[in-house]
Amino acid sequence: MVAAKMAGLDVSAIELEAHALAGGDPRGVVQALIAARHEGLDMPFEAAARFDLAGRDPLREVEKEPARRRGAVWSRRGGPAPAEHQRLRGTSPWIRFS
């Protein structure tokens, strides 16, 4: 939680606790979010948590993201949003990308 706040991430203690209770690794998720921000990727907490709970390492997913996708928008379902949906970014935080 301290690392998330120091990095300026918008992650609450409730989200981290819920992720831990679901069997996830909150520390790994926070590290992935910090790495994504450092790489210029906009990755929401939900996407990183979904990677973690699916048994995939969210930090590795950030590292695998090619340089051509820098600045890409991540969908709440986990993974880069399709290019046609990236233009919708900012219209509503609850848009479901398919």
N, C-alpha and C. Protein backbone atom coordinates (compact mmCIF):
# COMPACT_ATOMS: atom_id res chain seq x y z
N MET A 1 0.82 -1.19 0.00
CA MET A 1 0.00 0.00 0.00
C MET A 1 0.87 1.25 0.00
N VAL A 2 1.96 1.20 0.74
CA VAL A 2 2.85 2.35 0.81
C VAL A 2 3.49 2.60 -0.55
N ALA A 3 3.93 1.53 -1.22
CA ALA A 3 4.55 1.68 -2.53
C ALA A 3 3.56 2.24 -3.54
N ALA A 4 2.31 1.82 -3.45
CA ALA A 4 1.28 2.31 -4.38
C ALA A 4 1.04 3.79 -4.18
N LYS A 5 0.97 4.23 -2.94
CA LYS A 5 0.74 5.65 -2.66
C LYS A 5 1.95 6.49 -3.04
N MET A 6 3.16 5.96 -2.79
CA MET A 6 4.36 6.70 -3.15
C MET A 6 4.49 6.85 -4.67
N ALA A 7 3.99 5.85 -5.41
CA ALA A 7 4.05 5.91 -6.87
C ALA A 7 2.90 6.72 -7.45
N GLY A 8 1.97 7.15 -6.60
CA GLY A 8 0.86 7.96 -7.07
C GLY A 8 -0.25 7.17 -7.70
N LEU A 9 -0.34 5.87 -7.38
CA LEU A 9 -1.40 5.03 -7.94
C LEU A 9 -2.70 5.25 -7.19
N ASP A 10 -3.79 5.14 -7.89
CA ASP A 10 -5.10 5.29 -7.30
C ASP A 10 -5.65 3.91 -6.94
N VAL A 11 -5.08 3.31 -5.89
CA VAL A 11 -5.48 1.98 -5.45
C VAL A 11 -5.83 2.08 -3.97
N SER A 12 -7.00 1.57 -3.61
CA SER A 12 -7.43 1.65 -2.21
C SER A 12 -7.00 0.40 -1.44
N ALA A 13 -6.96 0.54 -0.14
CA ALA A 13 -6.63 -0.59 0.72
C ALA A 13 -7.70 -1.67 0.62
N ILE A 14 -8.93 -1.27 0.37
CA ILE A 14 -10.03 -2.24 0.24
C ILE A 14 -9.83 -3.10 -1.00
N GLU A 15 -9.40 -2.48 -2.11
CA GLU A 15 -9.14 -3.24 -3.33
C GLU A 15 -8.01 -4.24 -3.12
N LEU A 16 -6.95 -3.79 -2.46
CA LEU A 16 -5.82 -4.69 -2.21
C LEU A 16 -6.21 -5.82 -1.26
N GLU A 17 -7.00 -5.51 -0.25
CA GLU A 17 -7.44 -6.54 0.69
C GLU A 17 -8.35 -7.55 0.00
N ALA A 18 -9.26 -7.07 -0.82
CA ALA A 18 -10.16 -7.97 -1.55
C ALA A 18 -9.37 -8.87 -2.50
N HIS A 19 -8.35 -8.31 -3.12
CA HIS A 19 -7.53 -9.12 -4.02
C HIS A 19 -6.77 -10.20 -3.25
N ALA A 20 -6.25 -9.84 -2.07
CA ALA A 20 -5.54 -10.82 -1.25
C ALA A 20 -6.49 -11.92 -0.77
N LEU A 21 -7.70 -11.54 -0.37
CA LEU A 21 -8.67 -12.53 0.09
C LEU A 21 -9.13 -13.45 -1.04
N ALA A 22 -9.05 -12.97 -2.27
CA ALA A 22 -9.42 -13.78 -3.43
C ALA A 22 -8.30 -14.74 -3.83
N GLY A 23 -7.17 -14.64 -3.14
CA GLY A 23 -6.05 -15.54 -3.42
C GLY A 23 -4.98 -14.93 -4.30
N GLY A 24 -5.04 -13.62 -4.51
CA GLY A 24 -4.07 -12.94 -5.36
C GLY A 24 -2.87 -12.43 -4.58
N ASP A 25 -1.94 -11.86 -5.31
CA ASP A 25 -0.72 -11.29 -4.74
C ASP A 25 -0.76 -9.78 -4.92
N PRO A 26 -1.23 -9.04 -3.91
CA PRO A 26 -1.33 -7.58 -4.05
C PRO A 26 0.01 -6.91 -4.33
N ARG A 27 1.07 -7.42 -3.74
CA ARG A 27 2.40 -6.82 -3.96
C ARG A 27 2.79 -6.94 -5.43
N GLY A 28 2.55 -8.08 -6.03
CA GLY A 28 2.87 -8.27 -7.44
C GLY A 28 2.04 -7.38 -8.35
N VAL A 29 0.77 -7.18 -7.99
CA VAL A 29 -0.10 -6.32 -8.78
C VAL A 29 0.38 -4.87 -8.71
N VAL A 30 0.74 -4.42 -7.51
CA VAL A 30 1.23 -3.05 -7.36
C VAL A 30 2.53 -2.86 -8.13
N GLN A 31 3.42 -3.85 -8.08
CA GLN A 31 4.67 -3.75 -8.84
C GLN A 31 4.39 -3.66 -10.33
N ALA A 32 3.41 -4.43 -10.81
CA ALA A 32 3.06 -4.38 -12.23
C ALA A 32 2.47 -3.03 -12.61
N LEU A 33 1.64 -2.46 -11.74
CA LEU A 33 1.06 -1.15 -12.02
C LEU A 33 2.14 -0.06 -12.05
N ILE A 34 3.10 -0.16 -11.16
CA ILE A 34 4.21 0.81 -11.15
C ILE A 34 5.03 0.66 -12.43
N ALA A 35 5.31 -0.58 -12.82
CA ALA A 35 6.08 -0.82 -14.05
C ALA A 35 5.31 -0.33 -15.28
N ALA A 36 3.99 -0.54 -15.30
CA ALA A 36 3.18 -0.08 -16.44
C ALA A 36 3.22 1.43 -16.53
N ARG A 37 3.11 2.11 -15.41
CA ARG A 37 3.17 3.57 -15.42
C ARG A 37 4.55 4.04 -15.89
N HIS A 38 5.58 3.36 -15.45
CA HIS A 38 6.94 3.72 -15.86
C HIS A 38 7.11 3.53 -17.38
N GLU A 39 6.45 2.52 -17.94
CA GLU A 39 6.55 2.24 -19.38
C GLU A 39 5.59 3.10 -20.20
N GLY A 40 4.76 3.90 -19.54
CA GLY A 40 3.83 4.75 -20.26
C GLY A 40 2.53 4.08 -20.63
N LEU A 41 2.21 2.96 -19.98
CA LEU A 41 0.97 2.23 -20.23
C LEU A 41 -0.08 2.62 -19.20
N ASP A 42 -1.31 2.74 -19.61
CA ASP A 42 -2.41 3.06 -18.72
C ASP A 42 -3.12 1.75 -18.38
N MET A 43 -2.67 1.08 -17.32
CA MET A 43 -3.21 -0.22 -16.93
C MET A 43 -4.02 -0.07 -15.64
N PRO A 44 -5.32 -0.34 -15.69
CA PRO A 44 -6.12 -0.22 -14.46
C PRO A 44 -5.85 -1.37 -13.49
N PHE A 45 -6.17 -1.14 -12.23
CA PHE A 45 -5.98 -2.16 -11.20
C PHE A 45 -6.72 -3.43 -11.55
N GLU A 46 -7.93 -3.30 -12.10
CA GLU A 46 -8.76 -4.47 -12.42
C GLU A 46 -8.07 -5.39 -13.41
N ALA A 47 -7.39 -4.82 -14.40
CA ALA A 47 -6.69 -5.64 -15.40
C ALA A 47 -5.53 -6.40 -14.78
N ALA A 48 -4.73 -5.72 -13.96
CA ALA A 48 -3.59 -6.37 -13.32
C ALA A 48 -4.07 -7.46 -12.35
N ALA A 49 -5.14 -7.17 -11.61
CA ALA A 49 -5.68 -8.16 -10.68
C ALA A 49 -6.24 -9.37 -11.43
N ARG A 50 -6.86 -9.12 -12.56
CA ARG A 50 -7.41 -10.22 -13.36
C ARG A 50 -6.29 -11.11 -13.89
N PHE A 51 -5.19 -10.52 -14.36
CA PHE A 51 -4.04 -11.32 -14.79
C PHE A 51 -3.55 -12.19 -13.64
N ASP A 52 -3.42 -11.60 -12.45
CA ASP A 52 -2.90 -12.31 -11.29
C ASP A 52 -3.81 -13.46 -10.90
N LEU A 53 -5.10 -13.22 -10.84
CA LEU A 53 -6.03 -14.27 -10.42
C LEU A 53 -6.17 -15.37 -11.46
N ALA A 54 -5.82 -15.07 -12.71
CA ALA A 54 -5.85 -16.08 -13.76
C ALA A 54 -4.58 -16.93 -13.77
N GLY A 55 -3.66 -16.63 -12.87
CA GLY A 55 -2.43 -17.40 -12.78
C GLY A 55 -1.31 -16.86 -13.64
N ARG A 56 -1.50 -15.71 -14.25
CA ARG A 56 -0.47 -15.08 -15.07
C ARG A 56 0.20 -13.99 -14.25
N ASP A 57 1.48 -13.80 -14.48
CA ASP A 57 2.24 -12.79 -13.76
C ASP A 57 1.99 -11.43 -14.40
N PRO A 58 1.31 -10.50 -13.68
CA PRO A 58 1.01 -9.20 -14.29
C PRO A 58 2.25 -8.40 -14.64
N LEU A 59 3.33 -8.55 -13.88
CA LEU A 59 4.57 -7.84 -14.20
C LEU A 59 5.15 -8.35 -15.52
N ARG A 60 5.09 -9.63 -15.73
CA ARG A 60 5.58 -10.20 -16.99
C ARG A 60 4.72 -9.73 -18.16
N GLU A 61 3.41 -9.59 -17.94
CA GLU A 61 2.53 -9.10 -19.00
C GLU A 61 2.90 -7.67 -19.40
N VAL A 62 3.27 -6.86 -18.42
CA VAL A 62 3.71 -5.49 -18.72
C VAL A 62 5.02 -5.53 -19.49
N GLU A 63 5.94 -6.39 -19.08
CA GLU A 63 7.24 -6.48 -19.74
C GLU A 63 7.11 -7.01 -21.16
N LYS A 64 6.14 -7.88 -21.42
CA LYS A 64 5.96 -8.44 -22.75
C LYS A 64 5.32 -7.46 -23.73
N GLU A 65 4.68 -6.46 -23.20
CA GLU A 65 3.99 -5.49 -24.06
C GLU A 65 5.01 -4.82 -24.98
N PRO A 66 4.84 -4.94 -26.29
CA PRO A 66 5.84 -4.38 -27.21
C PRO A 66 5.89 -2.86 -27.16
N ALA A 67 7.02 -2.33 -27.58
CA ALA A 67 7.23 -0.88 -27.53
C ALA A 67 6.25 -0.15 -28.43
N ARG A 68 5.71 -0.80 -29.45
CA ARG A 68 4.77 -0.12 -30.35
C ARG A 68 3.45 0.18 -29.67
N ARG A 69 3.19 -0.43 -28.53
CA ARG A 69 1.94 -0.20 -27.82
C ARG A 69 2.08 0.82 -26.71
N ARG A 70 3.18 1.48 -26.60
CA ARG A 70 3.35 2.48 -25.54
C ARG A 70 2.24 3.52 -25.68
N GLY A 71 1.62 3.84 -24.58
CA GLY A 71 0.51 4.77 -24.60
C GLY A 71 -0.82 4.10 -24.88
N ALA A 72 -0.83 2.77 -24.99
CA ALA A 72 -2.07 2.05 -25.27
C ALA A 72 -2.98 2.08 -24.05
N VAL A 73 -4.24 1.90 -24.28
CA VAL A 73 -5.23 1.86 -23.21
C VAL A 73 -5.55 0.41 -22.92
N TRP A 74 -5.60 0.04 -21.65
CA TRP A 74 -5.93 -1.33 -21.27
C TRP A 74 -7.41 -1.40 -20.94
N SER A 75 -8.06 -2.46 -21.40
CA SER A 75 -9.47 -2.64 -21.09
C SER A 75 -9.61 -3.17 -19.67
N ARG A 76 -10.78 -3.02 -19.10
CA ARG A 76 -11.02 -3.51 -17.74
C ARG A 76 -11.04 -5.04 -17.70
N ARG A 77 -11.15 -5.68 -18.85
CA ARG A 77 -11.15 -7.14 -18.91
C ARG A 77 -9.74 -7.70 -18.89
N GLY A 78 -8.74 -6.85 -19.02
CA GLY A 78 -7.35 -7.30 -18.99
C GLY A 78 -6.80 -7.43 -20.38
N GLY A 79 -5.86 -6.60 -20.73
CA GLY A 79 -5.25 -6.63 -22.04
C GLY A 79 -5.49 -5.33 -22.78
N PRO A 80 -4.69 -5.10 -23.79
CA PRO A 80 -4.85 -3.84 -24.52
C PRO A 80 -6.21 -3.77 -25.20
N ALA A 81 -6.80 -2.61 -25.15
CA ALA A 81 -8.08 -2.40 -25.81
C ALA A 81 -7.87 -2.31 -27.31
N PRO A 82 -8.83 -2.77 -28.10
CA PRO A 82 -8.70 -2.63 -29.55
C PRO A 82 -8.58 -1.16 -29.94
N ALA A 83 -7.91 -0.93 -31.05
CA ALA A 83 -7.64 0.44 -31.49
C ALA A 83 -8.91 1.25 -31.65
N GLU A 84 -9.99 0.64 -32.13
CA GLU A 84 -11.22 1.41 -32.33
C GLU A 84 -11.85 1.85 -31.01
N HIS A 85 -11.51 1.17 -29.92
CA HIS A 85 -12.07 1.54 -28.63
C HIS A 85 -11.20 2.56 -27.89
N GLN A 86 -9.96 2.72 -28.31
CA GLN A 86 -9.07 3.65 -27.62
C GLN A 86 -9.56 5.08 -27.73
N ARG A 87 -10.25 5.41 -28.81
CA ARG A 87 -10.75 6.77 -28.96
C ARG A 87 -11.84 7.09 -27.96
N LEU A 88 -12.48 6.07 -27.38
CA LEU A 88 -13.54 6.27 -26.39
C LEU A 88 -12.98 6.57 -25.01
N ARG A 89 -11.69 6.39 -24.84
CA ARG A 89 -11.07 6.60 -23.53
C ARG A 89 -11.37 8.01 -23.04
N GLY A 90 -11.83 8.12 -21.85
CA GLY A 90 -12.11 9.41 -21.24
C GLY A 90 -13.59 9.80 -21.32
N THR A 91 -14.37 9.10 -22.14
CA THR A 91 -15.78 9.44 -22.21
C THR A 91 -16.53 8.90 -20.99
N SER A 92 -16.15 7.72 -20.54
CA SER A 92 -16.79 7.13 -19.37
C SER A 92 -15.84 6.09 -18.77
N PRO A 93 -15.66 6.09 -17.46
CA PRO A 93 -14.78 5.09 -16.87
C PRO A 93 -15.40 3.70 -16.83
N TRP A 94 -16.65 3.58 -17.20
CA TRP A 94 -17.34 2.29 -17.09
C TRP A 94 -17.64 1.66 -18.44
N ILE A 95 -17.03 2.15 -19.51
CA ILE A 95 -17.24 1.54 -20.82
C ILE A 95 -16.68 0.14 -20.81
N ARG A 96 -17.49 -0.81 -21.25
CA ARG A 96 -17.05 -2.19 -21.33
C ARG A 96 -16.51 -2.45 -22.73
N PHE A 97 -15.23 -2.78 -22.84
CA PHE A 97 -14.65 -3.08 -24.14
C PHE A 97 -14.89 -4.55 -24.43
N SER A 98 -15.25 -4.84 -25.65
CA SER A 98 -15.48 -6.25 -26.01
C SER A 98 -14.44 -6.76 -26.96
